[in-house]
């Protein structure tokens, strides 16, 4: 009877080759996954904001009253901090404030800092949908920008006077979305 055991394992050169291959794969995977996460965040934020705009417009038309959207850091007042959260409220007296007799319809926390969302348009720092669903004085653009302002991850939601919204697209397939002016979105 032979009781000797043969040990099977990896030699040092074999182990080094496996480690080198794993390091090469990892060095390519990390930047790719980082870019993927940035792209997914841009898509998520744009989709969520687009949905809020559509909901506000339909609420205004269904309830036959003015509905406002504004940026808010405290879920109670409008302070223009769109990247922290967004309030949707019924503005019966058209004063752009949430008064005691007016309803807060929803608050959507975004918490995407240090990325930014900005609103630029007519009608000030809020978006107002009239009882018909139109946004006569609130046409403009929401712009999403990452902290590093890389144009590959910038997005816009463009709102026309009729209250219709559309998202920016990469029409020329250069990896950058074009804004309402047809040029790549520039972050301030």
C-alpha atoms as a PDB file:
ATOM      1  CA  UNK A   1       0.000   0.000   0.000  1.00  0.00           C
ATOM      2  CA  UNK A   2       1.224   3.394  -0.972  1.00  0.00           C
ATOM      3  CA  UNK A   3       0.138   6.070   1.539  1.00  0.00           C
ATOM      4  CA  UNK A   4       2.020   8.923  -0.037  1.00  0.00           C
ATOM      5  CA  UNK A   5      -0.111  11.834  -1.244  1.00  0.00           C
ATOM      6  CA  UNK A   6       0.713  13.914  -4.168  1.00  0.00           C
ATOM      7  CA  UNK A   7       0.143  17.623  -3.605  1.00  0.00           C
ATOM      8  CA  UNK A   8      -1.452  19.496  -6.480  1.00  0.00           C
ATOM      9  CA  UNK A   9      -1.334  23.262  -6.634  1.00  0.00           C
ATOM     10  CA  UNK A  10      -0.204  26.246  -8.597  1.00  0.00           C
ATOM     11  CA  UNK A  11       3.380  27.114  -9.124  1.00  0.00           C
ATOM     12  CA  UNK A  12       4.606  30.638  -8.523  1.00  0.00           C
ATOM     13  CA  UNK A  13       4.793  31.501 -12.262  1.00  0.00           C
ATOM     14  CA  UNK A  14       1.241  30.211 -12.801  1.00  0.00           C
ATOM     15  CA  UNK A  15      -0.053  32.288  -9.886  1.00  0.00           C
ATOM     16  CA  UNK A  16       1.717  35.402 -11.178  1.00  0.00           C
ATOM     17  CA  UNK A  17       0.228  34.954 -14.651  1.00  0.00           C
ATOM     18  CA  UNK A  18      -3.294  34.644 -13.179  1.00  0.00           C
ATOM     19  CA  UNK A  19      -2.738  37.787 -11.055  1.00  0.00           C
ATOM     20  CA  UNK A  20      -1.463  39.775 -14.046  1.00  0.00           C
ATOM     21  CA  UNK A  21      -4.468  38.762 -16.161  1.00  0.00           C
ATOM     22  CA  UNK A  22      -6.868  39.661 -13.308  1.00  0.00           C
ATOM     23  CA  UNK A  23      -5.174  43.054 -12.870  1.00  0.00           C
ATOM     24  CA  UNK A  24      -5.491  43.790 -16.590  1.00  0.00           C
ATOM     25  CA  UNK A  25      -9.183  42.890 -16.615  1.00  0.00           C
ATOM     26  CA  UNK A  26      -9.777  44.970 -13.487  1.00  0.00           C
ATOM     27  CA  UNK A  27      -7.938  47.985 -14.938  1.00  0.00           C
ATOM     28  CA  UNK A  28     -10.303  47.998 -17.932  1.00  0.00           C
ATOM     29  CA  UNK A  29     -13.465  47.223 -15.936  1.00  0.00           C
ATOM     30  CA  UNK A  30     -13.217  49.982 -13.314  1.00  0.00           C
ATOM     31  CA  UNK A  31     -13.296  53.010 -15.657  1.00  0.00           C
ATOM     32  CA  UNK A  32     -16.008  51.382 -17.765  1.00  0.00           C
ATOM     33  CA  UNK A  33     -18.192  50.708 -14.720  1.00  0.00           C
ATOM     34  CA  UNK A  34     -17.636  54.253 -13.432  1.00  0.00           C
ATOM     35  CA  UNK A  35     -18.836  55.652 -16.763  1.00  0.00           C
ATOM     36  CA  UNK A  36     -21.800  53.288 -16.715  1.00  0.00           C
ATOM     37  CA  UNK A  37     -22.831  54.469 -13.233  1.00  0.00           C
ATOM     38  CA  UNK A  38     -22.613  58.122 -14.306  1.00  0.00           C
ATOM     39  CA  UNK A  39     -24.733  57.418 -17.358  1.00  0.00           C
ATOM     40  CA  UNK A  40     -27.307  55.503 -15.299  1.00  0.00           C
ATOM     41  CA  UNK A  41     -27.585  58.352 -12.788  1.00  0.00           C
ATOM     42  CA  UNK A  42     -28.145  60.874 -15.594  1.00  0.00           C
ATOM     43  CA  UNK A  43     -30.864  58.647 -17.039  1.00  0.00           C
ATOM     44  CA  UNK A  44     -32.531  58.092 -13.650  1.00  0.00           C
ATOM     45  CA  UNK A  45     -32.621  61.768 -12.744  1.00  0.00           C
ATOM     46  CA  UNK A  46     -33.872  62.793 -16.185  1.00  0.00           C
ATOM     47  CA  UNK A  47     -36.604  60.143 -16.140  1.00  0.00           C
ATOM     48  CA  UNK A  48     -37.739  61.117 -12.645  1.00  0.00           C
ATOM     49  CA  UNK A  49     -37.837  64.828 -13.465  1.00  0.00           C
ATOM     50  CA  UNK A  50     -39.626  64.190 -16.763  1.00  0.00           C
ATOM     51  CA  UNK A  51     -42.257  62.122 -14.913  1.00  0.00           C
ATOM     52  CA  UNK A  52     -42.811  64.948 -12.404  1.00  0.00           C
ATOM     53  CA  UNK A  53     -43.310  67.460 -15.213  1.00  0.00           C
ATOM     54  CA  UNK A  54     -45.838  65.176 -16.921  1.00  0.00           C
ATOM     55  CA  UNK A  55     -47.652  64.577 -13.633  1.00  0.00           C
ATOM     56  CA  UNK A  56     -47.857  68.311 -12.858  1.00  0.00           C
ATOM     57  CA  UNK A  57     -49.236  69.048 -16.304  1.00  0.00           C
ATOM     58  CA  UNK A  58     -51.883  66.339 -16.086  1.00  0.00           C
ATOM     59  CA  UNK A  59     -52.845  67.376 -12.526  1.00  0.00           C
ATOM     60  CA  UNK A  60     -53.377  70.958 -13.705  1.00  0.00           C
ATOM     61  CA  UNK A  61     -55.622  69.847 -16.550  1.00  0.00           C
ATOM     62  CA  UNK A  62     -57.555  67.293 -14.485  1.00  0.00           C
ATOM     63  CA  UNK A  63     -58.100  69.554 -11.473  1.00  0.00           C
ATOM     64  CA  UNK A  64     -58.612  72.696 -13.563  1.00  0.00           C
ATOM     65  CA  UNK A  65     -56.252  74.717 -11.394  1.00  0.00           C
ATOM     66  CA  UNK A  66     -52.691  76.035 -11.526  1.00  0.00           C
ATOM     67  CA  UNK A  67     -50.045  73.534 -10.432  1.00  0.00           C
ATOM     68  CA  UNK A  68     -46.505  74.670  -9.641  1.00  0.00           C
ATOM     69  CA  UNK A  69     -43.205  72.833  -9.524  1.00  0.00           C
ATOM     70  CA  UNK A  70     -40.278  74.300  -7.625  1.00  0.00           C
ATOM     71  CA  UNK A  71     -36.952  73.275  -6.169  1.00  0.00           C
ATOM     72  CA  UNK A  72     -36.915  72.782  -2.415  1.00  0.00           C
ATOM     73  CA  UNK A  73     -34.405  71.713   0.188  1.00  0.00           C
ATOM     74  CA  UNK A  74     -36.930  71.422   3.032  1.00  0.00           C
ATOM     75  CA  UNK A  75     -40.080  69.972   1.374  1.00  0.00           C
ATOM     76  CA  UNK A  76     -42.096  73.015   2.536  1.00  0.00           C
ATOM     77  CA  UNK A  77     -40.877  76.077   0.664  1.00  0.00           C
ATOM     78  CA  UNK A  78     -39.476  76.982  -2.734  1.00  0.00           C
ATOM     79  CA  UNK A  79     -35.785  77.868  -2.562  1.00  0.00           C
ATOM     80  CA  UNK A  80     -34.610  76.870  -6.058  1.00  0.00           C
ATOM     81  CA  UNK A  81     -32.594  73.834  -4.899  1.00  0.00           C
ATOM     82  CA  UNK A  82     -33.857  71.492  -7.599  1.00  0.00           C
ATOM     83  CA  UNK A  83     -31.001  69.047  -7.019  1.00  0.00           C
ATOM     84  CA  UNK A  84     -32.178  68.414  -3.439  1.00  0.00           C
ATOM     85  CA  UNK A  85     -35.886  67.961  -4.064  1.00  0.00           C
ATOM     86  CA  UNK A  86     -38.942  69.101  -6.000  1.00  0.00           C
ATOM     87  CA  UNK A  87     -42.294  70.265  -4.637  1.00  0.00           C
ATOM     88  CA  UNK A  88     -45.541  70.039  -6.577  1.00  0.00           C
ATOM     89  CA  UNK A  89     -48.340  72.204  -5.171  1.00  0.00           C
ATOM     90  CA  UNK A  90     -51.701  73.699  -6.052  1.00  0.00           C
ATOM     91  CA  UNK A  91     -51.390  77.483  -6.431  1.00  0.00           C
ATOM     92  CA  UNK A  92     -54.983  78.739  -6.277  1.00  0.00           C
ATOM     93  CA  UNK A  93     -54.103  82.428  -5.940  1.00  0.00           C
ATOM     94  CA  UNK A  94     -51.166  82.410  -8.427  1.00  0.00           C
ATOM     95  CA  UNK A  95     -48.696  83.953  -5.958  1.00  0.00           C
ATOM     96  CA  UNK A  96     -46.051  81.186  -6.389  1.00  0.00           C
ATOM     97  CA  UNK A  97     -46.100  80.439  -2.656  1.00  0.00           C
ATOM     98  CA  UNK A  98     -47.500  77.509  -0.719  1.00  0.00           C
ATOM     99  CA  UNK A  99     -50.172  79.213   1.386  1.00  0.00           C
ATOM    100  CA  UNK A 100     -52.090  77.560   4.208  1.00  0.00           C
ATOM    101  CA  UNK A 101     -55.176  77.091   2.021  1.00  0.00           C
ATOM    102  CA  UNK A 102     -53.192  75.388  -0.762  1.00  0.00           C
ATOM    103  CA  UNK A 103     -52.272  71.738  -1.017  1.00  0.00           C
ATOM    104  CA  UNK A 104     -48.820  70.277  -1.264  1.00  0.00           C
ATOM    105  CA  UNK A 105     -49.402  67.498  -3.798  1.00  0.00           C
ATOM    106  CA  UNK A 106     -46.014  65.813  -3.596  1.00  0.00           C
ATOM    107  CA  UNK A 107     -42.377  66.166  -2.685  1.00  0.00           C
ATOM    108  CA  UNK A 108     -39.756  64.204  -4.596  1.00  0.00           C
ATOM    109  CA  UNK A 109     -36.360  64.083  -2.883  1.00  0.00           C
ATOM    110  CA  UNK A 110     -33.566  63.817  -5.443  1.00  0.00           C
ATOM    111  CA  UNK A 111     -30.457  64.330  -3.294  1.00  0.00           C
ATOM    112  CA  UNK A 112     -28.039  64.239  -6.215  1.00  0.00           C
ATOM    113  CA  UNK A 113     -25.503  66.698  -4.834  1.00  0.00           C
ATOM    114  CA  UNK A 114     -22.792  67.435  -5.903  1.00  0.00           C
ATOM    115  CA  UNK A 115     -24.528  67.061  -9.276  1.00  0.00           C
ATOM    116  CA  UNK A 116     -26.904  69.887 -10.179  1.00  0.00           C
ATOM    117  CA  UNK A 117     -30.301  70.508 -11.735  1.00  0.00           C
ATOM    118  CA  UNK A 118     -31.087  74.027 -12.811  1.00  0.00           C
ATOM    119  CA  UNK A 119     -34.204  75.614 -14.281  1.00  0.00           C
ATOM    120  CA  UNK A 120     -33.827  78.375 -16.809  1.00  0.00           C
ATOM    121  CA  UNK A 121     -36.912  79.834 -18.370  1.00  0.00           C
ATOM    122  CA  UNK A 122     -39.556  82.463 -18.364  1.00  0.00           C
ATOM    123  CA  UNK A 123     -41.698  82.936 -15.307  1.00  0.00           C
ATOM    124  CA  UNK A 124     -38.937  82.936 -12.697  1.00  0.00           C
ATOM    125  CA  UNK A 125     -37.630  80.103 -10.579  1.00  0.00           C
ATOM    126  CA  UNK A 126     -40.769  77.935 -10.774  1.00  0.00           C
ATOM    127  CA  UNK A 127     -42.720  76.117 -13.433  1.00  0.00           C
ATOM    128  CA  UNK A 128     -46.449  76.847 -13.529  1.00  0.00           C
ATOM    129  CA  UNK A 129     -48.956  74.741 -15.424  1.00  0.00           C
ATOM    130  CA  UNK A 130     -52.243  76.559 -15.973  1.00  0.00           C
ATOM    131  CA  UNK A 131     -55.646  74.877 -15.734  1.00  0.00           C
ATOM    132  CA  UNK A 132     -55.415  73.811 -19.378  1.00  0.00           C
ATOM    133  CA  UNK A 133     -52.067  72.078 -18.812  1.00  0.00           C
ATOM    134  CA  UNK A 134     -50.203  74.790 -20.734  1.00  0.00           C
ATOM    135  CA  UNK A 135     -47.197  76.586 -19.271  1.00  0.00           C
ATOM    136  CA  UNK A 136     -47.548  79.911 -21.071  1.00  0.00           C
ATOM    137  CA  UNK A 137     -45.019  81.832 -19.002  1.00  0.00           C
ATOM    138  CA  UNK A 138     -42.896  78.878 -17.904  1.00  0.00           C
ATOM    139  CA  UNK A 139     -41.274  77.560 -21.041  1.00  0.00           C
ATOM    140  CA  UNK A 140     -37.607  76.787 -20.664  1.00  0.00           C
ATOM    141  CA  UNK A 141     -35.184  74.004 -19.797  1.00  0.00           C
ATOM    142  CA  UNK A 142     -34.176  71.875 -16.867  1.00  0.00           C
ATOM    143  CA  UNK A 143     -30.485  71.032 -17.125  1.00  0.00           C
ATOM    144  CA  UNK A 144     -28.807  68.169 -15.286  1.00  0.00           C
ATOM    145  CA  UNK A 145     -25.028  68.444 -14.892  1.00  0.00           C
ATOM    146  CA  UNK A 146     -22.547  66.342 -12.984  1.00  0.00           C
ATOM    147  CA  UNK A 147     -20.058  68.059 -10.696  1.00  0.00           C
ATOM    148  CA  UNK A 148     -17.167  67.583 -13.140  1.00  0.00           C
ATOM    149  CA  UNK A 149     -19.356  69.057 -15.948  1.00  0.00           C
ATOM    150  CA  UNK A 150     -18.539  66.244 -18.357  1.00  0.00           C
ATOM    151  CA  UNK A 151     -20.839  66.886 -21.344  1.00  0.00           C
ATOM    152  CA  UNK A 152     -21.293  63.137 -21.927  1.00  0.00           C
ATOM    153  CA  UNK A 153     -23.541  63.002 -18.849  1.00  0.00           C
ATOM    154  CA  UNK A 154     -25.417  66.314 -19.199  1.00  0.00           C
ATOM    155  CA  UNK A 155     -29.128  66.108 -19.954  1.00  0.00           C
ATOM    156  CA  UNK A 156     -32.027  68.504 -20.504  1.00  0.00           C
ATOM    157  CA  UNK A 157     -35.770  68.465 -20.305  1.00  0.00           C
ATOM    158  CA  UNK A 158     -37.176  71.087 -22.648  1.00  0.00           C
ATOM    159  CA  UNK A 159     -40.594  72.532 -21.848  1.00  0.00           C
ATOM    160  CA  UNK A 160     -42.562  74.454 -24.473  1.00  0.00           C
ATOM    161  CA  UNK A 161     -45.293  77.046 -23.898  1.00  0.00           C
ATOM    162  CA  UNK A 162     -47.991  74.459 -24.479  1.00  0.00           C
ATOM    163  CA  UNK A 163     -46.700  72.536 -21.459  1.00  0.00           C
ATOM    164  CA  UNK A 164     -45.236  69.705 -23.499  1.00  0.00           C
ATOM    165  CA  UNK A 165     -41.909  68.334 -22.393  1.00  0.00           C
ATOM    166  CA  UNK A 166     -39.238  66.412 -24.239  1.00  0.00           C
ATOM    167  CA  UNK A 167     -35.879  65.070 -23.199  1.00  0.00           C
ATOM    168  CA  UNK A 168     -32.602  65.903 -24.880  1.00  0.00           C
ATOM    169  CA  UNK A 169     -31.079  63.401 -27.287  1.00  0.00           C
ATOM    170  CA  UNK A 170     -27.753  62.656 -28.892  1.00  0.00           C
ATOM    171  CA  UNK A 171     -28.881  63.239 -32.466  1.00  0.00           C
ATOM    172  CA  UNK A 172     -25.419  63.425 -34.028  1.00  0.00           C
ATOM    173  CA  UNK A 173     -24.187  60.318 -32.145  1.00  0.00           C
ATOM    174  CA  UNK A 174     -21.082  62.015 -30.726  1.00  0.00           C
ATOM    175  CA  UNK A 175     -21.769  60.820 -27.168  1.00  0.00           C
ATOM    176  CA  UNK A 176     -23.157  64.211 -26.016  1.00  0.00           C
ATOM    177  CA  UNK A 177     -26.804  65.210 -25.812  1.00  0.00           C
ATOM    178  CA  UNK A 178     -27.847  68.323 -27.695  1.00  0.00           C
ATOM    179  CA  UNK A 179     -29.870  70.953 -25.884  1.00  0.00           C
ATOM    180  CA  UNK A 180     -32.784  73.063 -27.005  1.00  0.00           C
ATOM    181  CA  UNK A 181     -30.440  75.104 -29.224  1.00  0.00           C
ATOM    182  CA  UNK A 182     -29.146  72.035 -31.088  1.00  0.00           C
ATOM    183  CA  UNK A 183     -25.645  72.343 -29.570  1.00  0.00           C
ATOM    184  CA  UNK A 184     -24.080  70.049 -26.963  1.00  0.00           C
ATOM    185  CA  UNK A 185     -25.429  70.881 -23.511  1.00  0.00           C
ATOM    186  CA  UNK A 186     -23.136  73.322 -21.723  1.00  0.00           C
ATOM    187  CA  UNK A 187     -23.091  73.258 -17.955  1.00  0.00           C
ATOM    188  CA  UNK A 188     -22.759  76.592 -16.147  1.00  0.00           C
END
